Protein backbone atom coordinates (compact mmCIF):
# COMPACT_ATOMS: atom_id res chain seq x y z
CA MET A 1 0.00 0.00 0.00
CA THR A 2 2.87 2.39 0.81
CA THR A 3 4.38 2.06 -2.67
CA LEU A 4 1.03 2.52 -4.36
CA LEU A 5 0.18 5.68 -2.41
CA PHE A 6 3.70 7.05 -2.82
CA ASN A 7 3.59 6.49 -6.60
CA LEU A 8 0.14 8.06 -6.80
CA CYS A 9 1.29 11.19 -4.95
CA ASN A 10 4.49 11.39 -6.99
CA SER A 11 2.60 11.10 -10.28
CA LEU A 12 -0.09 13.59 -9.34
CA ILE A 13 2.43 16.21 -8.21
CA LEU A 14 4.19 15.94 -11.58
CA LEU A 15 0.87 16.59 -13.31
CA ALA A 16 0.11 19.52 -10.98
CA TRP A 17 3.52 21.13 -11.56
CA GLY A 18 3.30 20.55 -15.31
CA THR A 19 -0.13 22.15 -15.39
CA ILE A 20 0.84 25.34 -13.55
CA ILE A 21 4.17 25.69 -15.39
CA PHE A 22 3.09 24.96 -18.96
CA PHE A 23 -0.60 25.92 -18.91
CA PRO A 24 -0.69 28.76 -16.37
CA ARG A 25 -3.90 30.42 -17.59
CA GLN A 26 -6.03 27.30 -18.02
CA LYS A 27 -8.99 26.77 -15.72
CA LEU A 28 -7.38 23.75 -13.99
CA SER A 29 -4.19 25.73 -13.37
CA ASN A 30 -6.16 28.55 -11.80
CA VAL A 31 -7.93 26.08 -9.52
CA LEU A 32 -4.57 24.60 -8.46
CA ILE A 33 -3.13 28.08 -7.94
CA ASP A 34 -6.11 29.69 -6.20
CA TYR A 35 -6.88 26.88 -3.74
CA PRO A 36 -4.41 24.78 -1.73
CA TRP A 37 -5.86 21.43 -2.88
CA VAL A 38 -2.53 19.87 -3.78
CA PRO A 39 -0.70 20.64 -0.51
CA LEU A 40 -3.82 19.68 1.46
CA GLY A 41 -4.08 16.35 -0.35
CA LEU A 42 -0.40 15.65 0.18
CA SER A 43 -0.82 16.58 3.85
CA VAL A 44 -3.44 13.87 4.31
CA PHE A 45 -1.10 11.23 2.88
CA TYR A 46 1.80 12.69 4.88
CA LEU A 47 -0.16 12.32 8.08
CA TYR A 48 -1.14 8.78 7.13
CA PHE A 49 2.51 7.82 6.55
CA ILE A 50 3.59 9.46 9.83
CA VAL A 51 0.93 7.56 11.78
CA ILE A 52 1.66 4.15 10.26
CA SER A 53 5.42 4.66 10.66
CA GLY A 54 4.98 5.03 14.41
CA GLY A 55 5.24 8.80 14.58
CA LEU A 56 8.14 11.01 15.45
CA MET A 57 7.92 10.99 19.22
CA GLU A 58 11.49 9.73 19.63
CA ALA A 59 12.96 11.93 16.89
CA ASP A 60 15.67 14.40 17.88
CA PHE A 61 15.39 17.48 15.69
CA SER A 62 17.73 19.54 17.86
CA SER A 63 21.02 18.24 16.48
CA LEU A 64 22.56 17.11 13.24
CA GLU A 65 23.28 13.71 14.82
CA GLY A 66 19.58 13.37 15.64
CA ILE A 67 18.60 14.13 12.06
CA VAL A 68 21.18 11.69 10.69
CA SER A 69 19.84 9.03 13.06
CA LEU A 70 16.30 9.74 11.89
CA PHE A 71 17.30 9.18 8.27
CA GLN A 72 19.32 6.05 9.09
CA LYS A 73 16.36 4.49 10.90
CA ALA A 74 13.87 5.43 8.18
CA THR A 75 11.17 3.00 7.11
CA ALA A 76 9.44 3.10 3.74
CA GLU A 77 6.57 4.96 5.40
CA SER A 78 8.72 7.55 7.17
CA ALA A 79 10.75 8.13 3.99
CA ALA A 80 7.51 8.57 2.03
CA ALA A 81 6.30 11.05 4.66
CA GLY A 82 9.55 12.98 4.36
CA TRP A 83 9.27 13.11 0.60
CA LEU A 84 5.63 14.27 0.74
CA HIS A 85 6.74 16.97 3.16
CA TYR A 86 9.07 18.30 0.46
CA LEU A 87 6.47 17.95 -2.29
CA ALA A 88 3.79 19.82 -0.36
CA PHE A 89 5.98 22.74 0.65
CA ASP A 90 7.74 23.06 -2.70
CA PHE A 91 4.39 23.16 -4.50
CA TRP A 92 3.07 25.71 -2.01
CA VAL A 93 6.10 27.91 -2.73
CA GLY A 94 5.71 27.42 -6.48
CA VAL A 95 2.10 28.56 -6.29
CA TRP A 96 3.13 31.55 -4.17
CA ILE A 97 5.66 32.50 -6.84
CA VAL A 98 2.94 32.42 -9.49
CA LYS A 99 0.52 34.48 -7.38
CA HIS A 100 3.17 36.99 -6.38
CA SER A 101 4.49 37.39 -9.92
CA ARG A 102 0.96 37.92 -11.25
CA LYS A 103 0.36 40.62 -8.65
CA LEU A 104 3.53 42.38 -9.78
CA GLY A 105 2.86 41.86 -13.49
CA ILE A 106 5.94 39.70 -14.09
CA SER A 107 5.70 37.58 -17.22
CA HIS A 108 5.10 33.89 -16.66
CA LYS A 109 7.91 33.16 -19.13
CA ILE A 110 10.33 34.70 -16.63
CA VAL A 111 8.77 32.88 -13.67
CA VAL A 112 9.11 29.43 -15.27
CA PHE A 113 12.81 29.40 -14.43
CA PRO A 114 12.45 29.83 -10.64
CA MET A 115 9.45 27.49 -10.66
CA LEU A 116 11.55 24.73 -12.21
CA PHE A 117 14.23 25.35 -9.59
CA THR A 118 11.58 25.25 -6.86
CA PHE A 119 10.26 21.97 -8.24
CA MET A 120 13.71 20.38 -8.35
CA LEU A 121 15.67 22.15 -5.61
CA GLY A 122 13.10 23.84 -3.35
CA PRO A 123 14.87 26.74 -1.64
CA THR A 124 16.99 27.43 -4.71
CA GLY A 125 13.82 28.42 -6.55
CA ILE A 126 13.05 31.00 -3.88
CA LEU A 127 16.59 32.34 -4.30
CA VAL A 128 16.25 32.57 -8.09
CA TYR A 129 12.86 34.29 -7.80
CA SER A 130 14.27 36.72 -5.22
CA LEU A 131 17.13 37.56 -7.58
CA ILE A 132 14.59 38.26 -10.33
CA LEU A 133 12.74 40.57 -7.95
CA LEU A 134 15.96 42.36 -7.00
CA GLY A 135 16.93 42.73 -10.64
CA ARG A 136 13.49 44.02 -11.52
CA LYS A 137 13.63 46.57 -8.72
CA ALA A 138 17.05 47.74 -9.88
CA PHE A 139 15.65 48.58 -13.33
CA ILE A 140 12.47 50.35 -12.21
CA PRO A 141 12.87 54.14 -12.28
CA ALA A 142 12.90 55.78 -8.85
CA SER A 143 9.61 57.56 -9.55
CA GLU A 144 7.84 54.17 -9.81
CA ASN A 145 9.27 52.68 -6.55
């Protein structure tokens, strides 16, 4: 069951990302962007995997050694939960990038680059988008700031 649910979540997130990246103005994309359905759905499966893995009551998040131990003792369910954690938050950030860029009038063609980085490397996408924002601000005349 773990493999089936993991594969389902992994496949659906690829479709969701593909939809908002390549078809940003389609009705389905707007539904995915305007409502947090994808992160909410992933959260349900995340919680399921956490519960069946025995929870995190003994996990030590206060040290690097504790985190390493957590990864070394991972089960299929706890690893799936960890992966869904990344998927949910990365998608949430990707959607925020789209919403924020629309509010500022930044072309989607420019935003595709940080979205791809967010999809593949999470925080790096935020960095790339922030650099775009800084560059944009540098080229806006002072009277428009």
